[in-house]
Amino acid sequence: MTMTSDLPYRPCVGVVLINTDGLIFAAERNDTPGAWQMPQGGIDDGESAEDAALRELEEETSVPANAVQLVAQTPDWVTYDLPPELLGKVWNGRFRGQKQHWFLFALTGDEGLIDLDTAHPEFNRWQWMSAADLLEAIVPFKRDVYSQVLGSFAPHLK
């Protein structure tokens, strides 16, 4: 059996999308009712982290790159380990968790662009949330990551 510490972290990006009021886009996962999160996903081979973030944003929310403006990004990777009950079940058991590079984008287009009915829908509903409300709604094993990320972007948030 492989030890968890022998497994690598999955390279990934995360997106904090804010509106003009500094509220954060959050969406409820289709596969985990009650679990809210921000857009995130893996980085493809040869893809920059920023390009991956813009791709994931569009794939998950329909918001195109030309409707957002980059405001900030985390200075380094943020990591988290999967809880024991998910190890071996997520990502075919190849990763112990994720190392994420996060980007803060301001929505410059109309919020009507947001459409969760995508080619591969991950979310069933969305809303704008304050940082405090999002931290309450996030799955517990991601709470520390979200706290770090939102803390680094705090000057831009409500």
N, C-alpha and C. Protein backbone atom coordinates (compact mmCIF):
# COMPACT_ATOMS: atom_id res chain seq x y z
N MET A 1 0.84 -1.20 0.00
CA MET A 1 0.00 0.00 0.00
C MET A 1 0.88 1.25 0.00
N THR A 2 0.51 2.23 -0.80
CA THR A 2 1.26 3.48 -0.90
C THR A 2 0.97 4.35 0.31
N MET A 3 2.01 4.89 0.89
CA MET A 3 1.83 5.83 1.98
C MET A 3 1.35 7.16 1.41
N THR A 4 0.47 7.81 2.11
CA THR A 4 -0.06 9.09 1.65
C THR A 4 1.06 10.08 1.39
N SER A 5 2.06 10.10 2.26
CA SER A 5 3.14 11.07 2.11
C SER A 5 3.98 10.82 0.86
N ASP A 6 3.87 9.63 0.25
CA ASP A 6 4.59 9.34 -0.98
C ASP A 6 3.88 9.87 -2.22
N LEU A 7 2.61 10.18 -2.07
CA LEU A 7 1.84 10.66 -3.21
C LEU A 7 2.11 12.15 -3.45
N PRO A 8 2.11 12.59 -4.72
CA PRO A 8 2.31 14.01 -5.01
C PRO A 8 1.01 14.80 -4.83
N TYR A 9 1.16 16.11 -4.86
CA TYR A 9 0.00 17.00 -4.89
C TYR A 9 -0.37 17.24 -6.36
N ARG A 10 -1.65 17.35 -6.62
CA ARG A 10 -2.14 17.65 -7.97
C ARG A 10 -2.00 19.15 -8.21
N PRO A 11 -1.27 19.55 -9.28
CA PRO A 11 -1.17 20.98 -9.59
C PRO A 11 -2.51 21.51 -10.09
N CYS A 12 -2.92 22.61 -9.53
CA CYS A 12 -4.28 23.09 -9.73
C CYS A 12 -4.31 24.62 -9.61
N VAL A 13 -5.36 25.21 -10.13
CA VAL A 13 -5.60 26.64 -9.97
C VAL A 13 -6.94 26.85 -9.30
N GLY A 14 -7.10 28.00 -8.69
CA GLY A 14 -8.37 28.40 -8.12
C GLY A 14 -8.67 29.83 -8.52
N VAL A 15 -9.95 30.15 -8.60
CA VAL A 15 -10.39 31.47 -9.04
C VAL A 15 -11.30 32.09 -7.99
N VAL A 16 -10.93 33.28 -7.54
CA VAL A 16 -11.80 34.11 -6.72
C VAL A 16 -12.33 35.17 -7.68
N LEU A 17 -13.61 35.10 -7.98
CA LEU A 17 -14.25 36.06 -8.87
C LEU A 17 -15.09 37.00 -8.02
N ILE A 18 -14.82 38.30 -8.14
CA ILE A 18 -15.57 39.27 -7.34
C ILE A 18 -16.38 40.20 -8.24
N ASN A 19 -17.47 40.70 -7.65
CA ASN A 19 -18.28 41.69 -8.36
C ASN A 19 -17.83 43.09 -7.92
N THR A 20 -18.52 44.10 -8.39
CA THR A 20 -18.11 45.48 -8.08
C THR A 20 -18.26 45.83 -6.61
N ASP A 21 -19.04 45.04 -5.86
CA ASP A 21 -19.20 45.26 -4.43
C ASP A 21 -18.17 44.50 -3.60
N GLY A 22 -17.26 43.77 -4.27
CA GLY A 22 -16.26 42.99 -3.54
C GLY A 22 -16.79 41.68 -2.98
N LEU A 23 -17.98 41.27 -3.44
CA LEU A 23 -18.53 39.97 -3.02
C LEU A 23 -17.98 38.88 -3.94
N ILE A 24 -17.93 37.66 -3.43
CA ILE A 24 -17.26 36.54 -4.10
C ILE A 24 -18.28 35.58 -4.71
N PHE A 25 -18.00 35.17 -5.95
CA PHE A 25 -18.80 34.14 -6.59
C PHE A 25 -18.56 32.81 -5.90
N ALA A 26 -19.64 32.14 -5.50
CA ALA A 26 -19.55 30.80 -4.92
C ALA A 26 -20.67 29.97 -5.52
N ALA A 27 -20.38 28.68 -5.71
CA ALA A 27 -21.37 27.80 -6.31
C ALA A 27 -21.45 26.49 -5.54
N GLU A 28 -22.65 25.92 -5.53
CA GLU A 28 -22.88 24.65 -4.84
C GLU A 28 -22.60 23.49 -5.80
N ARG A 29 -21.81 22.54 -5.34
CA ARG A 29 -21.42 21.40 -6.15
C ARG A 29 -22.61 20.47 -6.44
N ASN A 30 -22.69 19.99 -7.68
CA ASN A 30 -23.72 19.02 -8.05
C ASN A 30 -23.59 17.73 -7.26
N ASP A 31 -22.34 17.28 -7.06
CA ASP A 31 -22.10 15.97 -6.45
C ASP A 31 -22.09 15.99 -4.93
N THR A 32 -22.13 17.20 -4.33
CA THR A 32 -22.10 17.31 -2.87
C THR A 32 -23.03 18.44 -2.43
N PRO A 33 -24.34 18.18 -2.38
CA PRO A 33 -25.27 19.23 -1.97
C PRO A 33 -24.86 19.84 -0.62
N GLY A 34 -24.92 21.17 -0.57
CA GLY A 34 -24.52 21.87 0.65
C GLY A 34 -23.06 22.27 0.66
N ALA A 35 -22.27 21.75 -0.30
CA ALA A 35 -20.84 22.11 -0.39
C ALA A 35 -20.66 23.20 -1.44
N TRP A 36 -20.21 24.34 -0.97
CA TRP A 36 -20.00 25.49 -1.85
C TRP A 36 -18.51 25.65 -2.09
N GLN A 37 -18.15 26.15 -3.25
CA GLN A 37 -16.75 26.41 -3.54
C GLN A 37 -16.63 27.45 -4.64
N MET A 38 -15.40 27.84 -4.91
CA MET A 38 -15.09 28.73 -6.01
C MET A 38 -14.58 27.87 -7.17
N PRO A 39 -14.57 28.41 -8.40
CA PRO A 39 -14.07 27.64 -9.53
C PRO A 39 -12.61 27.22 -9.32
N GLN A 40 -12.30 26.00 -9.70
CA GLN A 40 -10.93 25.51 -9.59
C GLN A 40 -10.78 24.28 -10.46
N GLY A 41 -9.54 23.94 -10.77
CA GLY A 41 -9.30 22.75 -11.57
C GLY A 41 -7.84 22.59 -11.91
N GLY A 42 -7.54 21.48 -12.55
CA GLY A 42 -6.16 21.12 -12.87
C GLY A 42 -5.55 21.98 -13.97
N ILE A 43 -4.24 21.96 -13.99
CA ILE A 43 -3.47 22.67 -15.01
C ILE A 43 -3.06 21.64 -16.06
N ASP A 44 -3.41 21.89 -17.31
CA ASP A 44 -3.06 20.98 -18.40
C ASP A 44 -1.57 21.10 -18.74
N ASP A 45 -1.02 20.05 -19.32
CA ASP A 45 0.39 20.07 -19.75
C ASP A 45 0.62 21.25 -20.69
N GLY A 46 1.69 22.01 -20.41
CA GLY A 46 2.05 23.14 -21.25
C GLY A 46 1.22 24.39 -21.04
N GLU A 47 0.31 24.36 -20.10
CA GLU A 47 -0.58 25.50 -19.85
C GLU A 47 -0.04 26.32 -18.69
N SER A 48 -0.09 27.64 -18.80
CA SER A 48 0.30 28.48 -17.67
C SER A 48 -0.80 28.45 -16.63
N ALA A 49 -0.45 28.78 -15.40
CA ALA A 49 -1.44 28.79 -14.33
C ALA A 49 -2.55 29.80 -14.62
N GLU A 50 -2.18 30.98 -15.12
CA GLU A 50 -3.21 31.99 -15.41
C GLU A 50 -4.14 31.52 -16.53
N ASP A 51 -3.57 30.91 -17.57
CA ASP A 51 -4.42 30.39 -18.65
C ASP A 51 -5.36 29.31 -18.13
N ALA A 52 -4.85 28.45 -17.24
CA ALA A 52 -5.69 27.40 -16.65
C ALA A 52 -6.83 28.02 -15.84
N ALA A 53 -6.52 29.08 -15.09
CA ALA A 53 -7.55 29.74 -14.29
C ALA A 53 -8.65 30.32 -15.18
N LEU A 54 -8.26 30.96 -16.26
CA LEU A 54 -9.26 31.54 -17.16
C LEU A 54 -10.06 30.44 -17.86
N ARG A 55 -9.41 29.35 -18.23
CA ARG A 55 -10.12 28.22 -18.85
C ARG A 55 -11.12 27.61 -17.88
N GLU A 56 -10.67 27.34 -16.64
CA GLU A 56 -11.56 26.75 -15.64
C GLU A 56 -12.75 27.68 -15.35
N LEU A 57 -12.49 28.97 -15.26
CA LEU A 57 -13.57 29.93 -15.01
C LEU A 57 -14.63 29.82 -16.11
N GLU A 58 -14.19 29.79 -17.35
CA GLU A 58 -15.16 29.70 -18.44
C GLU A 58 -15.84 28.34 -18.48
N GLU A 59 -15.08 27.26 -18.27
CA GLU A 59 -15.68 25.92 -18.29
C GLU A 59 -16.74 25.74 -17.20
N GLU A 60 -16.54 26.35 -16.05
CA GLU A 60 -17.44 26.14 -14.92
C GLU A 60 -18.54 27.18 -14.78
N THR A 61 -18.32 28.39 -15.32
CA THR A 61 -19.29 29.47 -15.12
C THR A 61 -19.75 30.14 -16.41
N SER A 62 -19.13 29.81 -17.54
CA SER A 62 -19.39 30.42 -18.85
C SER A 62 -18.84 31.83 -18.96
N VAL A 63 -18.17 32.35 -17.94
CA VAL A 63 -17.62 33.71 -18.00
C VAL A 63 -16.32 33.69 -18.80
N PRO A 64 -16.28 34.41 -19.93
CA PRO A 64 -15.07 34.40 -20.76
C PRO A 64 -13.97 35.32 -20.22
N ALA A 65 -12.76 35.07 -20.69
CA ALA A 65 -11.60 35.84 -20.24
C ALA A 65 -11.75 37.34 -20.49
N ASN A 66 -12.47 37.70 -21.56
CA ASN A 66 -12.61 39.13 -21.87
C ASN A 66 -13.63 39.84 -20.98
N ALA A 67 -14.24 39.10 -20.03
CA ALA A 67 -15.22 39.71 -19.11
C ALA A 67 -14.68 39.81 -17.69
N VAL A 68 -13.36 39.58 -17.52
CA VAL A 68 -12.74 39.69 -16.21
C VAL A 68 -11.41 40.44 -16.32
N GLN A 69 -10.98 40.95 -15.18
CA GLN A 69 -9.68 41.63 -15.09
C GLN A 69 -8.91 41.02 -13.93
N LEU A 70 -7.64 40.67 -14.18
CA LEU A 70 -6.79 40.13 -13.12
C LEU A 70 -6.49 41.23 -12.10
N VAL A 71 -6.75 40.95 -10.84
CA VAL A 71 -6.52 41.90 -9.76
C VAL A 71 -5.30 41.51 -8.94
N ALA A 72 -5.19 40.21 -8.63
CA ALA A 72 -4.09 39.73 -7.78
C ALA A 72 -3.96 38.22 -7.94
N GLN A 73 -2.86 37.69 -7.41
CA GLN A 73 -2.66 36.24 -7.35
C GLN A 73 -1.88 35.90 -6.12
N THR A 74 -2.02 34.66 -5.65
CA THR A 74 -1.27 34.26 -4.47
C THR A 74 0.21 34.22 -4.82
N PRO A 75 1.08 34.60 -3.88
CA PRO A 75 2.51 34.63 -4.16
C PRO A 75 3.13 33.24 -4.30
N ASP A 76 2.47 32.24 -3.77
CA ASP A 76 3.02 30.89 -3.80
C ASP A 76 1.87 29.89 -3.88
N TRP A 77 2.22 28.62 -4.01
CA TRP A 77 1.24 27.55 -4.00
C TRP A 77 0.65 27.39 -2.60
N VAL A 78 -0.62 27.04 -2.55
CA VAL A 78 -1.31 26.72 -1.31
C VAL A 78 -1.70 25.24 -1.42
N THR A 79 -1.37 24.45 -0.40
CA THR A 79 -1.65 23.01 -0.49
C THR A 79 -2.69 22.57 0.53
N TYR A 80 -3.36 21.47 0.20
CA TYR A 80 -4.22 20.80 1.17
C TYR A 80 -4.19 19.30 0.91
N ASP A 81 -4.36 18.53 1.97
CA ASP A 81 -4.45 17.08 1.89
C ASP A 81 -5.91 16.67 1.90
N LEU A 82 -6.22 15.64 1.13
CA LEU A 82 -7.57 15.08 1.16
C LEU A 82 -7.83 14.42 2.51
N PRO A 83 -9.06 14.44 2.98
CA PRO A 83 -9.37 13.68 4.20
C PRO A 83 -9.25 12.17 3.90
N PRO A 84 -8.95 11.36 4.91
CA PRO A 84 -8.74 9.93 4.71
C PRO A 84 -9.85 9.22 3.93
N GLU A 85 -11.11 9.63 4.14
CA GLU A 85 -12.21 8.95 3.47
C GLU A 85 -12.26 9.21 1.96
N LEU A 86 -11.53 10.22 1.48
CA LEU A 86 -11.50 10.51 0.04
C LEU A 86 -10.23 10.01 -0.64
N LEU A 87 -9.20 9.70 0.16
CA LEU A 87 -7.96 9.18 -0.43
C LEU A 87 -8.24 7.89 -1.19
N GLY A 88 -7.66 7.78 -2.36
CA GLY A 88 -7.86 6.59 -3.17
C GLY A 88 -9.14 6.62 -3.99
N LYS A 89 -10.04 7.56 -3.71
CA LYS A 89 -11.30 7.66 -4.44
C LYS A 89 -11.28 8.82 -5.44
N VAL A 90 -10.60 9.89 -5.09
CA VAL A 90 -10.53 11.08 -5.93
C VAL A 90 -9.28 11.00 -6.80
N TRP A 91 -9.39 11.42 -8.04
CA TRP A 91 -8.26 11.43 -8.99
C TRP A 91 -7.58 10.07 -9.12
N ASN A 92 -8.39 9.01 -9.06
CA ASN A 92 -7.89 7.63 -9.21
C ASN A 92 -6.81 7.29 -8.20
N GLY A 93 -6.81 7.96 -7.05
CA GLY A 93 -5.85 7.64 -5.99
C GLY A 93 -4.43 8.06 -6.28
N ARG A 94 -4.23 8.91 -7.29
CA ARG A 94 -2.86 9.30 -7.69
C ARG A 94 -2.29 10.46 -6.88
N PHE A 95 -3.13 11.19 -6.15
CA PHE A 95 -2.68 12.39 -5.46
C PHE A 95 -3.13 12.39 -4.01
N ARG A 96 -2.34 13.02 -3.15
CA ARG A 96 -2.68 13.13 -1.73
C ARG A 96 -3.55 14.34 -1.45
N GLY A 97 -3.57 15.26 -2.38
CA GLY A 97 -4.32 16.51 -2.25
C GLY A 97 -3.95 17.40 -3.42
N GLN A 98 -4.09 18.69 -3.22
CA GLN A 98 -3.80 19.63 -4.30
C GLN A 98 -2.84 20.71 -3.85
N LYS A 99 -2.03 21.18 -4.80
CA LYS A 99 -1.28 22.42 -4.62
C LYS A 99 -1.89 23.39 -5.61
N GLN A 100 -2.37 24.50 -5.09
CA GLN A 100 -3.16 25.43 -5.89
C GLN A 100 -2.51 26.80 -5.97
N HIS A 101 -2.58 27.37 -7.16
CA HIS A 101 -2.21 28.77 -7.36
C HIS A 101 -3.53 29.50 -7.60
N TRP A 102 -3.78 30.53 -6.80
CA TRP A 102 -5.07 31.22 -6.84
C TRP A 102 -4.96 32.59 -7.52
N PHE A 103 -6.02 32.92 -8.24
CA PHE A 103 -6.12 34.19 -8.96
C PHE A 103 -7.39 34.92 -8.53
N LEU A 104 -7.26 36.23 -8.35
CA LEU A 104 -8.41 37.08 -8.04
C LEU A 104 -8.74 37.86 -9.31
N PHE A 105 -9.94 37.63 -9.82
CA PHE A 105 -10.42 38.34 -11.00
C PHE A 105 -11.64 39.16 -10.63
N ALA A 106 -11.70 40.37 -11.20
CA ALA A 106 -12.90 41.21 -11.05
C ALA A 106 -13.76 41.00 -12.29
N LEU A 107 -15.04 40.78 -12.07
CA LEU A 107 -15.98 40.64 -13.19
C LEU A 107 -16.20 42.03 -13.78
N THR A 108 -15.82 42.22 -15.03
CA THR A 108 -16.00 43.51 -15.71
C THR A 108 -17.18 43.46 -16.66
N GLY A 109 -17.63 42.24 -17.00
CA GLY A 109 -18.81 42.08 -17.83
C GLY A 109 -20.05 41.98 -16.97
N ASP A 110 -21.17 41.80 -17.61
CA ASP A 110 -22.45 41.69 -16.92
C ASP A 110 -22.56 40.34 -16.21
N GLU A 111 -23.13 40.32 -15.01
CA GLU A 111 -23.26 39.05 -14.29
C GLU A 111 -24.21 38.08 -15.00
N GLY A 112 -24.97 38.58 -15.96
CA GLY A 112 -25.80 37.71 -16.78
C GLY A 112 -25.00 36.72 -17.61
N LEU A 113 -23.70 36.96 -17.73
CA LEU A 113 -22.81 36.01 -18.43
C LEU A 113 -22.68 34.70 -17.66
N ILE A 114 -22.90 34.75 -16.35
CA ILE A 114 -22.74 33.55 -15.53
C ILE A 114 -23.84 32.56 -15.87
N ASP A 115 -23.43 31.38 -16.32
CA ASP A 115 -24.37 30.33 -16.71
C ASP A 115 -23.74 28.99 -16.32
N LEU A 116 -24.36 28.30 -15.38
CA LEU A 116 -23.82 27.03 -14.89
C LEU A 116 -24.19 25.85 -15.78
N ASP A 117 -25.04 26.06 -16.77
CA ASP A 117 -25.44 25.00 -17.70
C ASP A 117 -24.37 24.89 -18.78
N THR A 118 -23.25 24.28 -18.40
CA THR A 118 -22.08 24.17 -19.27
C THR A 118 -22.00 22.76 -19.88
N ALA A 119 -20.97 22.51 -20.67
CA ALA A 119 -20.79 21.20 -21.30
C ALA A 119 -20.68 20.09 -20.26
N HIS A 120 -20.01 20.37 -19.15
CA HIS A 120 -19.87 19.40 -18.05
C HIS A 120 -20.19 20.12 -16.74
N PRO A 121 -21.47 20.30 -16.43
CA PRO A 121 -21.86 21.09 -15.26
C PRO A 121 -21.32 20.52 -13.94
N GLU A 122 -20.71 21.40 -13.15
CA GLU A 122 -20.19 21.00 -11.83
C GLU A 122 -21.04 21.56 -10.70
N PHE A 123 -21.81 22.61 -11.01
CA PHE A 123 -22.57 23.32 -9.99
C PHE A 123 -24.04 23.38 -10.35
N ASN A 124 -24.89 23.46 -9.30
CA ASN A 124 -26.33 23.56 -9.57
C ASN A 124 -26.91 24.94 -9.25
N ARG A 125 -26.21 25.73 -8.45
CA ARG A 125 -26.67 27.10 -8.18
C ARG A 125 -25.49 27.91 -7.69
N TRP A 126 -25.63 29.24 -7.75
CA TRP A 126 -24.55 30.11 -7.34
C TRP A 126 -25.12 31.35 -6.66
N GLN A 127 -24.22 32.05 -5.96
CA GLN A 127 -24.59 33.34 -5.36
C GLN A 127 -23.32 34.12 -5.04
N TRP A 128 -23.50 35.41 -4.81
CA TRP A 128 -22.40 36.26 -4.33
C TRP A 128 -22.36 36.14 -2.82
N MET A 129 -21.18 35.94 -2.25
CA MET A 129 -21.04 35.78 -0.80
C MET A 129 -19.93 36.68 -0.27
N SER A 130 -20.06 37.03 0.99
CA SER A 130 -18.95 37.68 1.69
C SER A 130 -17.91 36.60 1.99
N ALA A 131 -16.70 37.01 2.29
CA ALA A 131 -15.65 36.06 2.64
C ALA A 131 -16.06 35.23 3.86
N ALA A 132 -16.64 35.88 4.86
CA ALA A 132 -17.04 35.17 6.09
C ALA A 132 -18.10 34.12 5.79
N ASP A 133 -19.09 34.46 4.96
CA ASP A 133 -20.14 33.50 4.62
C ASP A 133 -19.58 32.33 3.81
N LEU A 134 -18.65 32.62 2.91
CA LEU A 134 -18.06 31.55 2.11
C LEU A 134 -17.27 30.59 2.99
N LEU A 135 -16.53 31.12 3.94
CA LEU A 135 -15.76 30.25 4.84
C LEU A 135 -16.68 29.33 5.66
N GLU A 136 -17.87 29.80 5.97
CA GLU A 136 -18.83 28.96 6.69
C GLU A 136 -19.41 27.87 5.79
N ALA A 137 -19.55 28.17 4.50
CA ALA A 137 -20.23 27.26 3.57
C ALA A 137 -19.29 26.23 2.93
N ILE A 138 -17.99 26.45 3.03
CA ILE A 138 -17.02 25.58 2.36
C ILE A 138 -16.91 24.24 3.08
N VAL A 139 -16.55 23.17 2.34
CA VAL A 139 -16.34 21.88 2.99
C VAL A 139 -15.19 22.04 3.98
N PRO A 140 -15.29 21.42 5.15
CA PRO A 140 -14.30 21.66 6.21
C PRO A 140 -12.84 21.43 5.82
N PHE A 141 -12.56 20.42 4.99
CA PHE A 141 -11.15 20.14 4.69
C PHE A 141 -10.51 21.19 3.79
N LYS A 142 -11.31 22.08 3.18
CA LYS A 142 -10.75 23.16 2.36
C LYS A 142 -10.77 24.50 3.09
N ARG A 143 -11.30 24.52 4.30
CA ARG A 143 -11.48 25.80 5.00
C ARG A 143 -10.16 26.54 5.24
N ASP A 144 -9.10 25.82 5.62
CA ASP A 144 -7.81 26.48 5.86
C ASP A 144 -7.25 27.11 4.59
N VAL A 145 -7.38 26.39 3.46
CA VAL A 145 -6.91 26.93 2.18
C VAL A 145 -7.69 28.19 1.85
N TYR A 146 -9.01 28.13 1.94
CA TYR A 146 -9.83 29.28 1.60
C TYR A 146 -9.52 30.45 2.53
N SER A 147 -9.27 30.17 3.78
CA SER A 147 -8.92 31.22 4.73
C SER A 147 -7.62 31.91 4.33
N GLN A 148 -6.62 31.12 3.96
CA GLN A 148 -5.34 31.69 3.50
C GLN A 148 -5.53 32.55 2.25
N VAL A 149 -6.24 31.99 1.28
CA VAL A 149 -6.44 32.68 0.00
C VAL A 149 -7.23 33.97 0.20
N LEU A 150 -8.35 33.88 0.91
CA LEU A 150 -9.17 35.08 1.12
C LEU A 150 -8.43 36.10 1.97
N GLY A 151 -7.59 35.62 2.89
CA GLY A 151 -6.77 36.54 3.67
C GLY A 151 -5.79 37.30 2.80
N SER A 152 -5.19 36.63 1.84
CA SER A 152 -4.22 37.32 0.98
C SER A 152 -4.92 38.31 0.03
N PHE A 153 -6.19 38.07 -0.26
CA PHE A 153 -6.93 38.97 -1.15
C PHE A 153 -7.84 39.95 -0.38
N ALA A 154 -7.75 39.94 0.93
CA ALA A 154 -8.67 40.71 1.78
C ALA A 154 -8.82 42.18 1.39
N PRO A 155 -7.75 42.88 0.99
CA PRO A 155 -7.95 44.30 0.64
C PRO A 155 -8.94 44.53 -0.49
N HIS A 156 -9.21 43.51 -1.29
CA HIS A 156 -10.09 43.65 -2.44
C HIS A 156 -11.49 43.12 -2.20
N LEU A 157 -11.71 42.53 -1.02
CA LEU A 157 -12.99 41.86 -0.74
C LEU A 157 -13.85 42.68 0.20
N LYS A 158 -15.16 42.38 0.17
CA LYS A 158 -16.07 43.05 1.10
C LYS A 158 -15.93 42.44 2.49
